[in-house]
Amino acid sequence: MLKGLVTAVHVLIALSLIAVVLLQSGKSAGLSGSIAGGAEAIFGGKKKGLDEKLGRLTAFIAIAFGITSMVLVVWK
């Protein structure tokens, strides 16, 4: 019963992790992205706001995914 609940939570976390990663904007788009990224680093054009929040959310969800993965592996 409880293992089924943890498995369901794990699946929801996995789907959330996929969705959050897909919502993030790309850091570069080939050679032109690397040139523009270098110019942004020089002139201080770092994007804040939504991308930063999505990055933190991704880290939190990834940690939760790892924890539920370990719990399900250890569970016999």
PDB file of N, CA and C in Angstrom:
ATOM      1  N   MET A   1       0.820  -1.199   0.000  1.00  0.00           N
ATOM      2  CA  MET A   1       0.000   0.000   0.000  1.00  0.00           C
ATOM      3  C   MET A   1       0.862   1.261   0.000  1.00  0.00           C
ATOM      4  N   LEU A   2       1.781   1.332   0.975  1.00  0.00           N
ATOM      5  CA  LEU A   2       2.633   2.511   1.085  1.00  0.00           C
ATOM      6  C   LEU A   2       3.638   2.577  -0.067  1.00  0.00           C
ATOM      7  N   LYS A   3       4.119   1.402  -0.512  1.00  0.00           N
ATOM      8  CA  LYS A   3       5.056   1.380  -1.633  1.00  0.00           C
ATOM      9  C   LYS A   3       4.371   1.883  -2.907  1.00  0.00           C
ATOM     10  N   GLY A   4       3.110   1.552  -3.076  1.00  0.00           N
ATOM     11  CA  GLY A   4       2.354   2.042  -4.226  1.00  0.00           C
ATOM     12  C   GLY A   4       2.200   3.550  -4.203  1.00  0.00           C
ATOM     13  N   LEU A   5       2.005   4.099  -3.009  1.00  0.00           N
ATOM     14  CA  LEU A   5       1.895   5.550  -2.862  1.00  0.00           C
ATOM     15  C   LEU A   5       3.219   6.237  -3.197  1.00  0.00           C
ATOM     16  N   VAL A   6       4.326   5.654  -2.703  1.00  0.00           N
ATOM     17  CA  VAL A   6       5.647   6.224  -3.009  1.00  0.00           C
ATOM     18  C   VAL A   6       5.932   6.117  -4.503  1.00  0.00           C
ATOM     19  N   THR A   7       5.531   5.033  -5.120  1.00  0.00           N
ATOM     20  CA  THR A   7       5.721   4.872  -6.564  1.00  0.00           C
ATOM     21  C   THR A   7       4.907   5.905  -7.337  1.00  0.00           C
ATOM     22  N   ALA A   8       3.688   6.160  -6.916  1.00  0.00           N
ATOM     23  CA  ALA A   8       2.857   7.168  -7.583  1.00  0.00           C
ATOM     24  C   ALA A   8       3.455   8.562  -7.428  1.00  0.00           C
ATOM     25  N   VAL A   9       3.960   8.873  -6.240  1.00  0.00           N
ATOM     26  CA  VAL A   9       4.614  10.170  -6.022  1.00  0.00           C
ATOM     27  C   VAL A   9       5.866  10.271  -6.886  1.00  0.00           C
ATOM     28  N   HIS A  10       6.608   9.176  -7.004  1.00  0.00           N
ATOM     29  CA  HIS A  10       7.821   9.145  -7.832  1.00  0.00           C
ATOM     30  C   HIS A  10       7.488   9.428  -9.297  1.00  0.00           C
ATOM     31  N   VAL A  11       6.424   8.849  -9.797  1.00  0.00           N
ATOM     32  CA  VAL A  11       6.012   9.082 -11.183  1.00  0.00           C
ATOM     33  C   VAL A  11       5.611  10.546 -11.378  1.00  0.00           C
ATOM     34  N   LEU A  12       4.885  11.110 -10.429  1.00  0.00           N
ATOM     35  CA  LEU A  12       4.501  12.528 -10.524  1.00  0.00           C
ATOM     36  C   LEU A  12       5.724  13.440 -10.492  1.00  0.00           C
ATOM     37  N   ILE A  13       6.695  13.107  -9.651  1.00  0.00           N
ATOM     38  CA  ILE A  13       7.931  13.893  -9.593  1.00  0.00           C
ATOM     39  C   ILE A  13       8.690  13.777 -10.909  1.00  0.00           C
ATOM     40  N   ALA A  14       8.730  12.583 -11.494  1.00  0.00           N
ATOM     41  CA  ALA A  14       9.426  12.393 -12.768  1.00  0.00           C
ATOM     42  C   ALA A  14       8.780  13.224 -13.877  1.00  0.00           C
ATOM     43  N   LEU A  15       7.460  13.219 -13.934  1.00  0.00           N
ATOM     44  CA  LEU A  15       6.761  14.014 -14.947  1.00  0.00           C
ATOM     45  C   LEU A  15       6.962  15.514 -14.716  1.00  0.00           C
ATOM     46  N   SER A  16       6.984  15.903 -13.448  1.00  0.00           N
ATOM     47  CA  SER A  16       7.236  17.317 -13.130  1.00  0.00           C
ATOM     48  C   SER A  16       8.637  17.730 -13.535  1.00  0.00           C
ATOM     49  N   LEU A  17       9.606  16.855 -13.317  1.00  0.00           N
ATOM     50  CA  LEU A  17      10.995  17.148 -13.699  1.00  0.00           C
ATOM     51  C   LEU A  17      11.117  17.314 -15.212  1.00  0.00           C
ATOM     52  N   ILE A  18      10.463  16.462 -15.951  1.00  0.00           N
ATOM     53  CA  ILE A  18      10.474  16.580 -17.415  1.00  0.00           C
ATOM     54  C   ILE A  18       9.854  17.901 -17.848  1.00  0.00           C
ATOM     55  N   ALA A  19       8.722  18.253 -17.258  1.00  0.00           N
ATOM     56  CA  ALA A  19       8.037  19.490 -17.636  1.00  0.00           C
ATOM     57  C   ALA A  19       8.872  20.723 -17.308  1.00  0.00           C
ATOM     58  N   VAL A  20       9.500  20.743 -16.133  1.00  0.00           N
ATOM     59  CA  VAL A  20      10.284  21.912 -15.734  1.00  0.00           C
ATOM     60  C   VAL A  20      11.522  22.060 -16.617  1.00  0.00           C
ATOM     61  N   VAL A  21      12.147  20.965 -16.970  1.00  0.00           N
ATOM     62  CA  VAL A  21      13.319  21.035 -17.852  1.00  0.00           C
ATOM     63  C   VAL A  21      12.921  21.544 -19.232  1.00  0.00           C
ATOM     64  N   LEU A  22      11.786  21.099 -19.734  1.00  0.00           N
ATOM     65  CA  LEU A  22      11.339  21.556 -21.048  1.00  0.00           C
ATOM     66  C   LEU A  22      10.911  23.018 -21.054  1.00  0.00           C
ATOM     67  N   LEU A  23      10.492  23.542 -19.918  1.00  0.00           N
ATOM     68  CA  LEU A  23      10.086  24.947 -19.840  1.00  0.00           C
ATOM     69  C   LEU A  23      11.269  25.915 -19.824  1.00  0.00           C
ATOM     70  N   GLN A  24      12.450  25.420 -19.482  1.00  0.00           N
ATOM     71  CA  GLN A  24      13.613  26.302 -19.407  1.00  0.00           C
ATOM     72  C   GLN A  24      14.063  26.706 -20.798  1.00  0.00           C
ATOM     73  N   SER A  25      14.571  27.931 -20.893  1.00  0.00           N
ATOM     74  CA  SER A  25      15.093  28.391 -22.177  1.00  0.00           C
ATOM     75  C   SER A  25      16.494  27.847 -22.372  1.00  0.00           C
ATOM     76  N   GLY A  26      16.865  27.645 -23.629  1.00  0.00           N
ATOM     77  CA  GLY A  26      18.179  27.118 -23.946  1.00  0.00           C
ATOM     78  C   GLY A  26      19.274  28.128 -23.648  1.00  0.00           C
ATOM     79  N   LYS A  27      20.442  27.629 -23.254  1.00  0.00           N
ATOM     80  CA  LYS A  27      21.562  28.513 -22.946  1.00  0.00           C
ATOM     81  C   LYS A  27      22.319  28.912 -24.204  1.00  0.00           C
ATOM     82  N   SER A  28      22.278  28.088 -25.227  1.00  0.00           N
ATOM     83  CA  SER A  28      22.962  28.432 -26.471  1.00  0.00           C
ATOM     84  C   SER A  28      22.266  27.734 -27.633  1.00  0.00           C
ATOM     85  N   ALA A  29      22.467  28.270 -28.796  1.00  0.00           N
ATOM     86  CA  ALA A  29      21.874  27.678 -30.000  1.00  0.00           C
ATOM     87  C   ALA A  29      22.972  27.519 -31.048  1.00  0.00           C
ATOM     88  N   GLY A  30      23.883  26.604 -30.785  1.00  0.00           N
ATOM     89  CA  GLY A  30      24.967  26.378 -31.714  1.00  0.00           C
ATOM     90  C   GLY A  30      26.047  27.440 -31.616  1.00  0.00           C
ATOM     91  N   LEU A  31      26.716  27.706 -32.739  1.00  0.00           N
ATOM     92  CA  LEU A  31      27.826  28.651 -32.760  1.00  0.00           C
ATOM     93  C   LEU A  31      27.360  30.072 -32.507  1.00  0.00           C
ATOM     94  N   SER A  32      26.237  30.471 -33.073  1.00  0.00           N
ATOM     95  CA  SER A  32      25.753  31.837 -32.868  1.00  0.00           C
ATOM     96  C   SER A  32      25.360  32.064 -31.404  1.00  0.00           C
ATOM     97  N   GLY A  33      24.852  31.039 -30.738  1.00  0.00           N
ATOM     98  CA  GLY A  33      24.509  31.172 -29.337  1.00  0.00           C
ATOM     99  C   GLY A  33      25.738  31.319 -28.461  1.00  0.00           C
ATOM    100  N   SER A  34      26.831  30.655 -28.847  1.00  0.00           N
ATOM    101  CA  SER A  34      28.039  30.777 -28.036  1.00  0.00           C
ATOM    102  C   SER A  34      28.666  32.158 -28.197  1.00  0.00           C
ATOM    103  N   ILE A  35      28.555  32.743 -29.385  1.00  0.00           N
ATOM    104  CA  ILE A  35      29.071  34.096 -29.596  1.00  0.00           C
ATOM    105  C   ILE A  35      28.221  35.097 -28.822  1.00  0.00           C
ATOM    106  N   ALA A  36      26.913  34.966 -28.910  1.00  0.00           N
ATOM    107  CA  ALA A  36      26.019  35.872 -28.190  1.00  0.00           C
ATOM    108  C   ALA A  36      26.148  35.678 -26.688  1.00  0.00           C
ATOM    109  N   GLY A  37      26.361  34.442 -26.252  1.00  0.00           N
ATOM    110  CA  GLY A  37      26.544  34.185 -24.831  1.00  0.00           C
ATOM    111  C   GLY A  37      27.802  34.840 -24.307  1.00  0.00           C
ATOM    112  N   GLY A  38      28.864  34.856 -25.107  1.00  0.00           N
ATOM    113  CA  GLY A  38      30.090  35.531 -24.698  1.00  0.00           C
ATOM    114  C   GLY A  38      29.889  37.025 -24.587  1.00  0.00           C
ATOM    115  N   ALA A  39      29.126  37.596 -25.509  1.00  0.00           N
ATOM    116  CA  ALA A  39      28.856  39.033 -25.461  1.00  0.00           C
ATOM    117  C   ALA A  39      27.998  39.381 -24.248  1.00  0.00           C
ATOM    118  N   GLU A  40      27.049  38.518 -23.913  1.00  0.00           N
ATOM    119  CA  GLU A  40      26.217  38.769 -22.737  1.00  0.00           C
ATOM    120  C   GLU A  40      27.045  38.704 -21.459  1.00  0.00           C
ATOM    121  N   ALA A  41      28.019  37.805 -21.429  1.00  0.00           N
ATOM    122  CA  ALA A  41      28.866  37.696 -20.241  1.00  0.00           C
ATOM    123  C   ALA A  41      29.721  38.949 -20.075  1.00  0.00           C
ATOM    124  N   ILE A  42      30.179  39.524 -21.184  1.00  0.00           N
ATOM    125  CA  ILE A  42      31.011  40.724 -21.117  1.00  0.00           C
ATOM    126  C   ILE A  42      30.182  41.929 -20.701  1.00  0.00           C
ATOM    127  N   PHE A  43      29.007  42.068 -21.287  1.00  0.00           N
ATOM    128  CA  PHE A  43      28.184  43.248 -21.034  1.00  0.00           C
ATOM    129  C   PHE A  43      27.188  43.063 -19.900  1.00  0.00           C
ATOM    130  N   GLY A  44      27.209  41.923 -19.239  1.00  0.00           N
ATOM    131  CA  GLY A  44      26.355  41.711 -18.068  1.00  0.00           C
ATOM    132  C   GLY A  44      24.894  41.520 -18.396  1.00  0.00           C
ATOM    133  N   GLY A  45      24.583  40.796 -19.445  1.00  0.00           N
ATOM    134  CA  GLY A  45      23.191  40.593 -19.821  1.00  0.00           C
ATOM    135  C   GLY A  45      22.627  39.296 -19.294  1.00  0.00           C
ATOM    136  N   LYS A  46      22.784  39.038 -18.011  1.00  0.00           N
ATOM    137  CA  LYS A  46      22.265  37.801 -17.427  1.00  0.00           C
ATOM    138  C   LYS A  46      20.755  37.899 -17.239  1.00  0.00           C
ATOM    139  N   LYS A  47      20.051  36.856 -17.700  1.00  0.00           N
ATOM    140  CA  LYS A  47      18.601  36.828 -17.543  1.00  0.00           C
ATOM    141  C   LYS A  47      18.258  36.367 -16.138  1.00  0.00           C
ATOM    142  N   LYS A  48      17.447  37.146 -15.470  1.00  0.00           N
ATOM    143  CA  LYS A  48      16.982  36.761 -14.139  1.00  0.00           C
ATOM    144  C   LYS A  48      15.479  36.550 -14.211  1.00  0.00           C
ATOM    145  N   GLY A  49      14.931  36.207 -13.129  1.00  0.00           N
ATOM    146  CA  GLY A  49      13.483  36.068 -13.083  1.00  0.00           C
ATOM    147  C   GLY A  49      13.049  34.639 -13.249  1.00  0.00           C
ATOM    148  N   LEU A  50      12.314  34.392 -14.306  1.00  0.00           N
ATOM    149  CA  LEU A  50      11.702  33.085 -14.507  1.00  0.00           C
ATOM    150  C   LEU A  50      12.736  31.986 -14.695  1.00  0.00           C
ATOM    151  N   ASP A  51      13.792  32.255 -15.471  1.00  0.00           N
ATOM    152  CA  ASP A  51      14.813  31.227 -15.686  1.00  0.00           C
ATOM    153  C   ASP A  51      15.515  30.851 -14.385  1.00  0.00           C
ATOM    154  N   GLU A  52      15.767  31.830 -13.551  1.00  0.00           N
ATOM    155  CA  GLU A  52      16.419  31.557 -12.266  1.00  0.00           C
ATOM    156  C   GLU A  52      15.503  30.735 -11.364  1.00  0.00           C
ATOM    157  N   LYS A  53      14.228  31.078 -11.331  1.00  0.00           N
ATOM    158  CA  LYS A  53      13.269  30.325 -10.517  1.00  0.00           C
ATOM    159  C   LYS A  53      13.101  28.902 -11.039  1.00  0.00           C
ATOM    160  N   LEU A  54      13.071  28.759 -12.366  1.00  0.00           N
ATOM    161  CA  LEU A  54      12.952  27.417 -12.930  1.00  0.00           C
ATOM    162  C   LEU A  54      14.190  26.585 -12.643  1.00  0.00           C
ATOM    163  N   GLY A  55      15.353  27.222 -12.613  1.00  0.00           N
ATOM    164  CA  GLY A  55      16.576  26.503 -12.270  1.00  0.00           C
ATOM    165  C   GLY A  55      16.552  25.979 -10.848  1.00  0.00           C
ATOM    166  N   ARG A  56      16.090  26.806  -9.921  1.00  0.00           N
ATOM    167  CA  ARG A  56      15.977  26.371  -8.521  1.00  0.00           C
ATOM    168  C   ARG A  56      14.927  25.277  -8.372  1.00  0.00           C
ATOM    169  N   LEU A  57      13.807  25.441  -9.063  1.00  0.00           N
ATOM    170  CA  LEU A  57      12.755  24.434  -9.006  1.00  0.00           C
ATOM    171  C   LEU A  57      13.243  23.106  -9.582  1.00  0.00           C
ATOM    172  N   THR A  58      14.016  23.170 -10.657  1.00  0.00           N
ATOM    173  CA  THR A  58      14.572  21.957 -11.256  1.00  0.00           C
ATOM    174  C   THR A  58      15.482  21.240 -10.269  1.00  0.00           C
ATOM    175  N   ALA A  59      16.330  21.992  -9.579  1.00  0.00           N
ATOM    176  CA  ALA A  59      17.223  21.374  -8.591  1.00  0.00           C
ATOM    177  C   ALA A  59      16.427  20.721  -7.473  1.00  0.00           C
ATOM    178  N   PHE A  60      15.405  21.396  -6.976  1.00  0.00           N
ATOM    179  CA  PHE A  60      14.572  20.845  -5.902  1.00  0.00           C
ATOM    180  C   PHE A  60      13.868  19.563  -6.348  1.00  0.00           C
ATOM    181  N   ILE A  61      13.290  19.587  -7.538  1.00  0.00           N
ATOM    182  CA  ILE A  61      12.572  18.410  -8.036  1.00  0.00           C
ATOM    183  C   ILE A  61      13.546  17.268  -8.324  1.00  0.00           C
ATOM    184  N   ALA A  62      14.745  17.585  -8.812  1.00  0.00           N
ATOM    185  CA  ALA A  62      15.746  16.545  -9.075  1.00  0.00           C
ATOM    186  C   ALA A  62      16.191  15.876  -7.778  1.00  0.00           C
ATOM    187  N   ILE A  63      16.351  16.657  -6.715  1.00  0.00           N
ATOM    188  CA  ILE A  63      16.716  16.081  -5.418  1.00  0.00           C
ATOM    189  C   ILE A  63      15.595  15.178  -4.912  1.00  0.00           C
ATOM    190  N   ALA A  64      14.351  15.633  -5.043  1.00  0.00           N
ATOM    191  CA  ALA A  64      13.205  14.811  -4.629  1.00  0.00           C
ATOM    192  C   ALA A  64      13.137  13.528  -5.454  1.00  0.00           C
ATOM    193  N   PHE A  65      13.447  13.620  -6.747  1.00  0.00           N
ATOM    194  CA  PHE A  65      13.460  12.440  -7.614  1.00  0.00           C
ATOM    195  C   PHE A  65      14.529  11.454  -7.160  1.00  0.00           C
ATOM    196  N   GLY A  66      15.705  11.978  -6.826  1.00  0.00           N
ATOM    197  CA  GLY A  66      16.779  11.106  -6.350  1.00  0.00           C
ATOM    198  C   GLY A  66      16.429  10.431  -5.041  1.00  0.00           C
ATOM    199  N   ILE A  67      15.808  11.173  -4.141  1.00  0.00           N
ATOM    200  CA  ILE A  67      15.423  10.594  -2.847  1.00  0.00           C
ATOM    201  C   ILE A  67      14.382   9.500  -3.029  1.00  0.00           C
ATOM    202  N   THR A  68      13.358   9.762  -3.829  1.00  0.00           N
ATOM    203  CA  THR A  68      12.334   8.729  -4.037  1.00  0.00           C
ATOM    204  C   THR A  68      12.909   7.530  -4.786  1.00  0.00           C
ATOM    205  N   SER A  69      13.875   7.773  -5.672  1.00  0.00           N
ATOM    206  CA  SER A  69      14.525   6.652  -6.358  1.00  0.00           C
ATOM    207  C   SER A  69      15.263   5.764  -5.374  1.00  0.00           C
ATOM    208  N   MET A  70      16.017   6.389  -4.472  1.00  0.00           N
ATOM    209  CA  MET A  70      16.760   5.619  -3.477  1.00  0.00           C
ATOM    210  C   MET A  70      15.814   4.867  -2.529  1.00  0.00           C
ATOM    211  N   VAL A  71      14.731   5.516  -2.152  1.00  0.00           N
ATOM    212  CA  VAL A  71      13.759   4.851  -1.263  1.00  0.00           C
ATOM    213  C   VAL A  71      13.179   3.624  -1.959  1.00  0.00           C
ATOM    214  N   LEU A  72      12.857   3.743  -3.226  1.00  0.00           N
ATOM    215  CA  LEU A  72      12.266   2.614  -3.954  1.00  0.00           C
ATOM    216  C   LEU A  72      13.282   1.504  -4.199  1.00  0.00           C
ATOM    217  N   VAL A  73      14.552   1.854  -4.338  1.00  0.00           N
ATOM    218  CA  VAL A  73      15.595   0.825  -4.530  1.00  0.00           C
ATOM    219  C   VAL A  73      15.837   0.059  -3.231  1.00  0.00           C
ATOM    220  N   VAL A  74      15.895   0.782  -2.123  1.00  0.00           N
ATOM    221  CA  VAL A  74      16.175   0.148  -0.843  1.00  0.00           C
ATOM    222  C   VAL A  74      14.993  -0.684  -0.354  1.00  0.00           C
ATOM    223  N   TRP A  75      13.788  -0.223  -0.714  1.00  0.00           N
ATOM    224  CA  TRP A  75      12.575  -0.910  -0.291  1.00  0.00           C
ATOM    225  C   TRP A  75      12.506  -2.315  -0.887  1.00  0.00           C
ATOM    226  N   LYS A  76      12.265  -3.309  -0.062  1.00  0.00           N
ATOM    227  CA  LYS A  76      12.221  -4.685  -0.569  1.00  0.00           C
ATOM    228  C   LYS A  76      10.840  -5.246  -0.581  1.00  0.00           C
TER     229      LYS A  76
END
